[in-house]
Amino acid sequence: MVAKAEMWDVLEFTLSEKCTVEKYLKIVDDFDQYYKDKGYQAEILLPLHTENQAPILWIGRTKNSEDFDKAYDHWLAGQAQDGSAVDKLSERFADCGTTTSRSSFITAR
């Protein structure tokens, strides 16, 4: 196994009818600003040539699995605190779409 591999957090989701891609990307921008110093950054992949045009992919990246664990622990703890920045982001994400699957990967070179 690669010891210093980058960690990818891959979520497939669909937008709700009341949410546009632009609105979702604004939430992602806010998320990235908040998580910038925590070592987790997200990219959104929009379907171009694919059999199913509905799902969108969230690619979250950290330098390694240890950084991912810290960021994820922070996310879970923040969701448990009503009114926290994480709780507010989580609510905005939930209003905008539904996660249909989640996978984790490490890079290997």
Protein backbone atom coordinates (compact mmCIF):
# COMPACT_ATOMS: atom_id res chain seq x y z
CA MET A 1 0.00 0.00 0.00
CA VAL A 2 1.18 3.54 -0.70
CA ALA A 3 2.02 5.30 2.58
CA LYS A 4 1.74 8.95 1.45
CA ALA A 5 -1.10 8.61 -1.03
CA GLU A 6 -3.59 11.37 -1.67
CA MET A 7 -7.10 10.54 -0.46
CA TRP A 8 -10.16 11.07 -2.66
CA ASP A 9 -13.68 11.23 -1.22
CA VAL A 10 -16.09 10.57 -4.11
CA LEU A 11 -19.80 11.25 -3.72
CA GLU A 12 -22.40 10.82 -6.43
CA PHE A 13 -25.47 12.99 -6.00
CA THR A 14 -28.46 14.43 -7.79
CA LEU A 15 -29.72 17.97 -7.43
CA SER A 16 -33.20 18.65 -6.11
CA GLU A 17 -35.66 20.35 -8.45
CA LYS A 18 -35.34 23.61 -6.51
CA CYS A 19 -31.53 23.71 -6.80
CA THR A 20 -29.48 24.88 -9.77
CA VAL A 21 -25.88 23.94 -10.50
CA GLU A 22 -24.92 27.56 -9.83
CA LYS A 23 -26.57 27.48 -6.40
CA TYR A 24 -24.83 24.20 -5.56
CA LEU A 25 -21.45 25.54 -6.68
CA LYS A 26 -21.92 28.54 -4.36
CA ILE A 27 -22.39 26.14 -1.43
CA VAL A 28 -19.27 24.24 -2.53
CA ASP A 29 -17.33 27.53 -2.65
CA ASP A 30 -18.46 28.31 0.90
CA PHE A 31 -17.48 24.78 1.98
CA ASP A 32 -14.03 25.15 0.39
CA GLN A 33 -13.48 28.50 2.11
CA TYR A 34 -14.40 26.96 5.46
CA TYR A 35 -12.31 23.79 4.97
CA LYS A 36 -9.32 25.47 3.31
CA ASP A 37 -7.23 25.39 6.50
CA LYS A 38 -8.38 21.84 7.32
CA GLY A 39 -6.72 20.28 4.28
CA TYR A 40 -9.90 19.21 2.46
CA GLN A 41 -10.93 20.74 -0.86
CA ALA A 42 -13.71 19.73 -3.22
CA GLU A 43 -14.17 19.71 -6.97
CA ILE A 44 -17.45 19.09 -8.75
CA LEU A 45 -17.62 17.02 -11.92
CA LEU A 46 -20.60 17.68 -14.18
CA PRO A 47 -21.64 15.00 -16.67
CA LEU A 48 -20.66 15.64 -20.26
CA HIS A 49 -20.46 12.30 -22.06
CA THR A 50 -22.20 9.73 -19.91
CA GLU A 51 -25.11 7.35 -20.14
CA ASN A 52 -26.93 9.00 -17.24
CA GLN A 53 -26.91 12.82 -17.18
CA ALA A 54 -28.48 13.13 -13.70
CA PRO A 55 -25.66 12.34 -11.26
CA ILE A 56 -22.99 14.86 -10.43
CA LEU A 57 -19.74 13.87 -8.73
CA TRP A 58 -18.14 15.51 -5.70
CA ILE A 59 -14.41 14.83 -5.52
CA GLY A 60 -13.02 15.79 -2.13
CA ARG A 61 -9.25 15.66 -1.80
CA THR A 62 -6.81 15.54 1.07
CA LYS A 63 -3.05 14.95 1.11
CA ASN A 64 -3.52 11.63 2.91
CA SER A 65 -5.99 9.52 4.84
CA GLU A 66 -4.95 11.07 8.17
CA ASP A 67 -5.97 14.55 6.91
CA PHE A 68 -9.23 13.09 5.61
CA ASP A 69 -9.97 11.51 9.00
CA LYS A 70 -9.39 14.84 10.78
CA ALA A 71 -11.60 16.76 8.34
CA TYR A 72 -14.35 14.11 8.49
CA ASP A 73 -14.26 14.01 12.30
CA HIS A 74 -14.61 17.81 12.29
CA TRP A 75 -17.59 17.54 9.89
CA LEU A 76 -19.36 14.97 12.05
CA ALA A 77 -18.77 16.93 15.26
CA GLY A 78 -20.00 20.14 13.61
CA GLN A 79 -23.21 18.50 12.40
CA ALA A 80 -24.02 17.63 16.01
CA GLN A 81 -23.84 21.30 17.04
CA ASP A 82 -27.02 23.17 16.12
CA GLY A 83 -26.26 26.42 14.35
CA SER A 84 -22.56 25.70 13.80
CA ALA A 85 -20.97 26.61 10.45
CA VAL A 86 -20.87 22.91 9.55
CA ASP A 87 -24.51 22.42 10.55
CA LYS A 88 -25.53 25.34 8.32
CA LEU A 89 -23.49 24.03 5.39
CA SER A 90 -24.95 20.56 5.89
CA GLU A 91 -28.50 21.95 5.81
CA ARG A 92 -27.76 23.88 2.61
CA PHE A 93 -26.34 20.75 0.96
CA ALA A 94 -29.35 18.67 2.07
CA ASP A 95 -31.78 21.24 0.66
CA CYS A 96 -29.96 21.23 -2.65
CA GLY A 97 -29.49 17.54 -3.41
CA THR A 98 -29.30 13.90 -2.40
CA THR A 99 -26.18 11.78 -2.12
CA THR A 100 -26.73 8.44 -3.84
CA SER A 101 -23.34 6.83 -3.21
CA ARG A 102 -20.01 7.45 -1.53
CA SER A 103 -16.61 5.86 -2.08
CA SER A 104 -13.05 6.57 -0.99
CA PHE A 105 -9.91 6.11 -3.03
CA ILE A 106 -6.18 6.63 -2.61
CA THR A 107 -3.91 7.66 -5.45
CA ALA A 108 -1.04 5.42 -6.44
CA ARG A 109 1.94 6.38 -8.55
